[in-house]
């Protein structure tokens, strides 16, 4: 059992180190021109940000299904849908490549 926990921790550390450069890209976005992008931004977008966006859309859909009874009771179904499904999907699929 300890080896499974150890492997999970090592996997989490590796994921953190591999995704850390994405933060630099987001910090750099304030310096990015609105009309053009660089090949570096395009590669980071295609290789890292889009797959993460697809995963966020799928996980948001699953979370929406779980939260649906509670949001229906409180009357926030539309807001929950927008934040968990629509926003990640729009960010992933309706944005030009390389523009953050």
N, C-alpha and C. Protein backbone atom coordinates (compact mmCIF):
# COMPACT_ATOMS: atom_id res chain seq x y z
N UNK A 1 0.82 -1.19 0.00
CA UNK A 1 0.00 0.00 0.00
C UNK A 1 0.86 1.26 0.00
N UNK A 2 1.99 1.20 0.68
CA UNK A 2 2.87 2.36 0.73
C UNK A 2 3.46 2.68 -0.64
N UNK A 3 3.71 1.64 -1.45
CA UNK A 3 4.27 1.91 -2.77
C UNK A 3 3.26 2.63 -3.65
N UNK A 4 1.99 2.32 -3.48
CA UNK A 4 0.97 3.02 -4.27
C UNK A 4 0.93 4.49 -3.88
N UNK A 5 0.98 4.77 -2.59
CA UNK A 5 0.99 6.17 -2.13
C UNK A 5 2.25 6.88 -2.59
N UNK A 6 3.37 6.20 -2.53
CA UNK A 6 4.64 6.78 -2.98
C UNK A 6 4.58 7.10 -4.47
N UNK A 7 4.04 6.18 -5.26
CA UNK A 7 3.92 6.43 -6.70
C UNK A 7 2.97 7.59 -6.99
N UNK A 8 1.91 7.70 -6.21
CA UNK A 8 0.96 8.81 -6.40
C UNK A 8 1.62 10.14 -6.09
N UNK A 9 2.42 10.18 -5.04
CA UNK A 9 3.13 11.43 -4.69
C UNK A 9 4.14 11.79 -5.77
N UNK A 10 4.89 10.82 -6.23
CA UNK A 10 5.88 11.07 -7.28
C UNK A 10 5.18 11.54 -8.55
N UNK A 11 4.06 10.92 -8.90
CA UNK A 11 3.31 11.35 -10.08
C UNK A 11 2.82 12.79 -9.93
N UNK A 12 2.31 13.13 -8.75
CA UNK A 12 1.84 14.49 -8.51
C UNK A 12 2.96 15.52 -8.61
N UNK A 13 4.13 15.18 -8.10
CA UNK A 13 5.28 16.09 -8.20
C UNK A 13 5.69 16.26 -9.65
N UNK A 14 5.72 15.18 -10.40
CA UNK A 14 6.08 15.27 -11.82
C UNK A 14 5.09 16.13 -12.59
N UNK A 15 3.81 15.95 -12.33
CA UNK A 15 2.80 16.77 -13.01
C UNK A 15 2.98 18.24 -12.65
N UNK A 16 3.27 18.52 -11.39
CA UNK A 16 3.48 19.91 -10.98
C UNK A 16 4.68 20.53 -11.69
N UNK A 17 5.77 19.78 -11.81
CA UNK A 17 6.94 20.31 -12.49
C UNK A 17 6.72 20.47 -13.99
N UNK A 18 5.95 19.58 -14.58
CA UNK A 18 5.72 19.67 -16.02
C UNK A 18 4.73 20.77 -16.38
N UNK A 19 3.81 21.10 -15.48
CA UNK A 19 2.83 22.13 -15.78
C UNK A 19 3.24 23.51 -15.27
N UNK A 20 4.31 23.61 -14.53
CA UNK A 20 4.77 24.91 -14.01
C UNK A 20 5.09 25.91 -15.11
N UNK A 21 5.68 25.52 -16.25
CA UNK A 21 5.95 26.50 -17.31
C UNK A 21 4.69 27.15 -17.89
N UNK A 22 3.54 26.52 -17.73
CA UNK A 22 2.31 27.11 -18.23
C UNK A 22 2.02 28.42 -17.49
N UNK A 23 2.36 28.48 -16.20
CA UNK A 23 2.17 29.69 -15.43
C UNK A 23 2.98 30.85 -15.98
N UNK A 24 4.19 30.56 -16.46
CA UNK A 24 5.02 31.59 -17.07
C UNK A 24 4.35 32.12 -18.33
N UNK A 25 3.75 31.24 -19.08
CA UNK A 25 3.06 31.66 -20.30
C UNK A 25 1.89 32.57 -19.97
N UNK A 26 1.14 32.26 -18.91
CA UNK A 26 0.02 33.11 -18.53
C UNK A 26 0.49 34.44 -17.98
N UNK A 27 1.64 34.45 -17.30
CA UNK A 27 2.18 35.70 -16.80
C UNK A 27 2.66 36.57 -17.95
N UNK A 28 3.08 35.96 -19.01
CA UNK A 28 3.59 36.68 -20.16
C UNK A 28 2.47 37.24 -21.03
N UNK A 29 1.26 36.80 -20.84
CA UNK A 29 0.18 37.17 -21.73
C UNK A 29 -0.11 38.67 -21.73
N UNK A 30 0.22 39.37 -20.66
CA UNK A 30 -0.03 40.80 -20.63
C UNK A 30 0.86 41.54 -21.62
N UNK A 31 1.98 40.92 -22.01
CA UNK A 31 2.88 41.54 -22.97
C UNK A 31 2.58 41.12 -24.40
N UNK A 32 1.65 40.21 -24.59
CA UNK A 32 1.32 39.69 -25.91
C UNK A 32 0.47 40.70 -26.67
N UNK A 33 0.78 40.85 -27.95
CA UNK A 33 0.01 41.75 -28.80
C UNK A 33 -1.37 41.14 -29.07
N UNK A 34 -2.35 41.99 -29.26
CA UNK A 34 -3.70 41.52 -29.53
C UNK A 34 -3.87 41.00 -30.96
N UNK A 35 -3.00 41.40 -31.87
CA UNK A 35 -3.20 41.07 -33.29
C UNK A 35 -2.30 39.96 -33.79
N UNK A 36 -1.26 39.62 -33.05
CA UNK A 36 -0.39 38.54 -33.52
C UNK A 36 0.12 37.73 -32.35
N UNK A 37 0.55 36.54 -32.65
CA UNK A 37 1.06 35.64 -31.62
C UNK A 37 2.40 35.09 -32.08
N UNK A 38 3.06 34.37 -31.20
CA UNK A 38 4.35 33.79 -31.53
C UNK A 38 4.21 32.28 -31.67
N UNK A 39 5.14 31.64 -32.36
CA UNK A 39 5.08 30.18 -32.45
C UNK A 39 5.17 29.50 -31.09
N UNK A 40 5.89 30.11 -30.15
CA UNK A 40 5.98 29.54 -28.81
C UNK A 40 4.63 29.49 -28.13
N UNK A 41 3.87 30.58 -28.23
CA UNK A 41 2.53 30.59 -27.65
C UNK A 41 1.65 29.56 -28.31
N UNK A 42 1.80 29.38 -29.62
CA UNK A 42 0.97 28.41 -30.34
C UNK A 42 1.29 26.98 -29.90
N UNK A 43 2.58 26.68 -29.74
CA UNK A 43 2.97 25.33 -29.32
C UNK A 43 2.49 25.04 -27.91
N UNK A 44 2.67 26.00 -27.00
CA UNK A 44 2.21 25.81 -25.62
C UNK A 44 0.69 25.65 -25.60
N UNK A 45 0.01 26.42 -26.43
CA UNK A 45 -1.45 26.34 -26.48
C UNK A 45 -1.91 24.96 -26.96
N UNK A 46 -1.32 24.49 -28.04
CA UNK A 46 -1.72 23.20 -28.61
C UNK A 46 -1.29 22.04 -27.74
N UNK A 47 -0.08 22.10 -27.18
CA UNK A 47 0.46 20.95 -26.45
C UNK A 47 -0.02 20.88 -25.00
N UNK A 48 -0.26 22.02 -24.36
CA UNK A 48 -0.59 21.99 -22.94
C UNK A 48 -1.96 22.56 -22.61
N UNK A 49 -2.25 23.75 -23.09
CA UNK A 49 -3.44 24.45 -22.64
C UNK A 49 -4.71 23.83 -23.20
N UNK A 50 -4.74 23.47 -24.47
CA UNK A 50 -5.95 22.86 -25.05
C UNK A 50 -6.29 21.51 -24.40
N UNK A 51 -5.31 20.61 -24.23
CA UNK A 51 -5.66 19.36 -23.54
C UNK A 51 -6.16 19.58 -22.11
N UNK A 52 -5.57 20.54 -21.40
CA UNK A 52 -6.05 20.84 -20.05
C UNK A 52 -7.47 21.41 -20.13
N UNK A 53 -7.74 22.22 -21.14
CA UNK A 53 -9.09 22.76 -21.32
C UNK A 53 -10.12 21.67 -21.62
N UNK A 54 -9.72 20.69 -22.41
CA UNK A 54 -10.61 19.58 -22.70
C UNK A 54 -10.90 18.78 -21.43
N UNK A 55 -9.86 18.53 -20.64
CA UNK A 55 -10.05 17.83 -19.36
C UNK A 55 -10.92 18.65 -18.42
N UNK A 56 -10.72 19.96 -18.40
CA UNK A 56 -11.54 20.82 -17.54
C UNK A 56 -13.00 20.79 -17.96
N UNK A 57 -13.24 20.74 -19.26
CA UNK A 57 -14.62 20.66 -19.75
C UNK A 57 -15.27 19.33 -19.35
N UNK A 58 -14.53 18.25 -19.49
CA UNK A 58 -15.06 16.93 -19.13
C UNK A 58 -15.30 16.84 -17.63
N UNK A 59 -14.31 17.26 -16.84
CA UNK A 59 -14.47 17.22 -15.38
C UNK A 59 -15.56 18.17 -14.91
N UNK A 60 -15.68 19.32 -15.57
CA UNK A 60 -16.76 20.25 -15.24
C UNK A 60 -18.13 19.66 -15.54
N UNK A 61 -18.22 18.91 -16.62
CA UNK A 61 -19.48 18.25 -16.95
C UNK A 61 -19.85 17.22 -15.89
N UNK A 62 -18.86 16.46 -15.45
CA UNK A 62 -19.11 15.48 -14.40
C UNK A 62 -19.51 16.17 -13.09
N UNK A 63 -18.82 17.25 -12.76
CA UNK A 63 -19.15 17.99 -11.54
C UNK A 63 -20.54 18.61 -11.66
N UNK A 64 -20.92 19.05 -12.86
CA UNK A 64 -22.24 19.61 -13.05
C UNK A 64 -23.33 18.58 -12.79
N UNK A 65 -23.11 17.36 -13.27
CA UNK A 65 -24.08 16.30 -13.04
C UNK A 65 -24.22 16.01 -11.55
N UNK A 66 -23.11 16.01 -10.83
CA UNK A 66 -23.16 15.77 -9.39
C UNK A 66 -23.84 16.93 -8.67
N UNK A 67 -23.55 18.16 -9.12
CA UNK A 67 -24.09 19.35 -8.44
C UNK A 67 -25.50 19.71 -8.90
N UNK A 68 -26.00 19.07 -9.93
CA UNK A 68 -27.30 19.44 -10.50
C UNK A 68 -28.45 19.40 -9.49
N UNK A 69 -28.58 18.38 -8.68
CA UNK A 69 -29.69 18.41 -7.72
C UNK A 69 -29.61 19.59 -6.74
N UNK A 70 -28.39 19.91 -6.30
CA UNK A 70 -28.22 20.99 -5.34
C UNK A 70 -28.43 22.35 -6.00
N UNK A 71 -27.93 22.51 -7.22
CA UNK A 71 -28.12 23.79 -7.90
C UNK A 71 -29.56 23.98 -8.35
N UNK A 72 -30.26 22.88 -8.63
CA UNK A 72 -31.68 23.00 -8.99
C UNK A 72 -32.50 23.44 -7.80
N UNK A 73 -32.16 22.96 -6.64
CA UNK A 73 -32.88 23.36 -5.43
C UNK A 73 -32.68 24.84 -5.15
N UNK A 74 -31.44 25.31 -5.33
CA UNK A 74 -31.16 26.71 -5.03
C UNK A 74 -31.48 27.64 -6.19
N UNK A 75 -31.75 27.09 -7.37
CA UNK A 75 -32.11 27.91 -8.52
C UNK A 75 -30.92 28.47 -9.28
N UNK A 76 -29.73 27.92 -9.07
CA UNK A 76 -28.53 28.40 -9.74
C UNK A 76 -28.06 27.47 -10.86
N UNK A 77 -28.96 26.79 -11.51
CA UNK A 77 -28.57 25.84 -12.54
C UNK A 77 -27.86 26.51 -13.70
N UNK A 78 -28.35 27.65 -14.13
CA UNK A 78 -27.74 28.35 -15.26
C UNK A 78 -26.32 28.82 -14.93
N UNK A 79 -26.13 29.39 -13.75
CA UNK A 79 -24.81 29.86 -13.33
C UNK A 79 -23.84 28.69 -13.19
N UNK A 80 -24.31 27.58 -12.63
CA UNK A 80 -23.48 26.39 -12.48
C UNK A 80 -23.08 25.85 -13.84
N UNK A 81 -24.01 25.82 -14.78
CA UNK A 81 -23.71 25.36 -16.14
C UNK A 81 -22.67 26.25 -16.79
N UNK A 82 -22.84 27.55 -16.66
CA UNK A 82 -21.90 28.48 -17.31
C UNK A 82 -20.49 28.33 -16.76
N UNK A 83 -20.36 28.21 -15.46
CA UNK A 83 -19.03 28.16 -14.85
C UNK A 83 -18.36 26.80 -14.98
N UNK A 84 -19.13 25.71 -14.98
CA UNK A 84 -18.52 24.39 -15.02
C UNK A 84 -18.39 23.81 -16.43
N UNK A 85 -19.26 24.18 -17.34
CA UNK A 85 -19.22 23.59 -18.68
C UNK A 85 -18.95 24.64 -19.76
N UNK A 86 -19.74 25.70 -19.79
CA UNK A 86 -19.67 26.65 -20.91
C UNK A 86 -18.34 27.42 -20.96
N UNK A 87 -17.91 27.98 -19.83
CA UNK A 87 -16.68 28.76 -19.83
C UNK A 87 -15.44 27.95 -20.24
N UNK A 88 -15.22 26.74 -19.69
CA UNK A 88 -14.07 25.96 -20.16
C UNK A 88 -14.19 25.56 -21.64
N UNK A 89 -15.41 25.26 -22.09
CA UNK A 89 -15.58 24.86 -23.49
C UNK A 89 -15.32 26.04 -24.43
N UNK A 90 -15.81 27.21 -24.08
CA UNK A 90 -15.56 28.40 -24.91
C UNK A 90 -14.08 28.71 -24.93
N UNK A 91 -13.41 28.64 -23.78
CA UNK A 91 -11.98 28.93 -23.72
C UNK A 91 -11.19 27.92 -24.54
N UNK A 92 -11.63 26.68 -24.56
CA UNK A 92 -10.89 25.63 -25.27
C UNK A 92 -11.16 25.64 -26.77
N UNK A 93 -12.40 25.80 -27.18
CA UNK A 93 -12.76 25.57 -28.57
C UNK A 93 -13.06 26.84 -29.38
N UNK A 94 -13.34 27.97 -28.76
CA UNK A 94 -13.70 29.17 -29.52
C UNK A 94 -12.65 30.25 -29.47
N UNK A 95 -11.42 29.90 -29.21
CA UNK A 95 -10.33 30.85 -29.10
C UNK A 95 -9.30 30.54 -30.18
N UNK A 96 -8.76 31.57 -30.84
CA UNK A 96 -7.71 31.30 -31.83
C UNK A 96 -6.48 30.68 -31.16
N UNK A 97 -5.78 29.85 -31.89
CA UNK A 97 -4.61 29.17 -31.36
C UNK A 97 -3.52 30.19 -31.04
N UNK A 98 -3.00 30.12 -29.83
CA UNK A 98 -1.91 30.97 -29.43
C UNK A 98 -2.32 32.24 -28.71
N UNK A 99 -3.61 32.54 -28.64
CA UNK A 99 -4.08 33.72 -27.94
C UNK A 99 -4.72 33.29 -26.63
N UNK A 100 -4.26 33.87 -25.54
CA UNK A 100 -4.75 33.47 -24.22
C UNK A 100 -5.67 34.52 -23.70
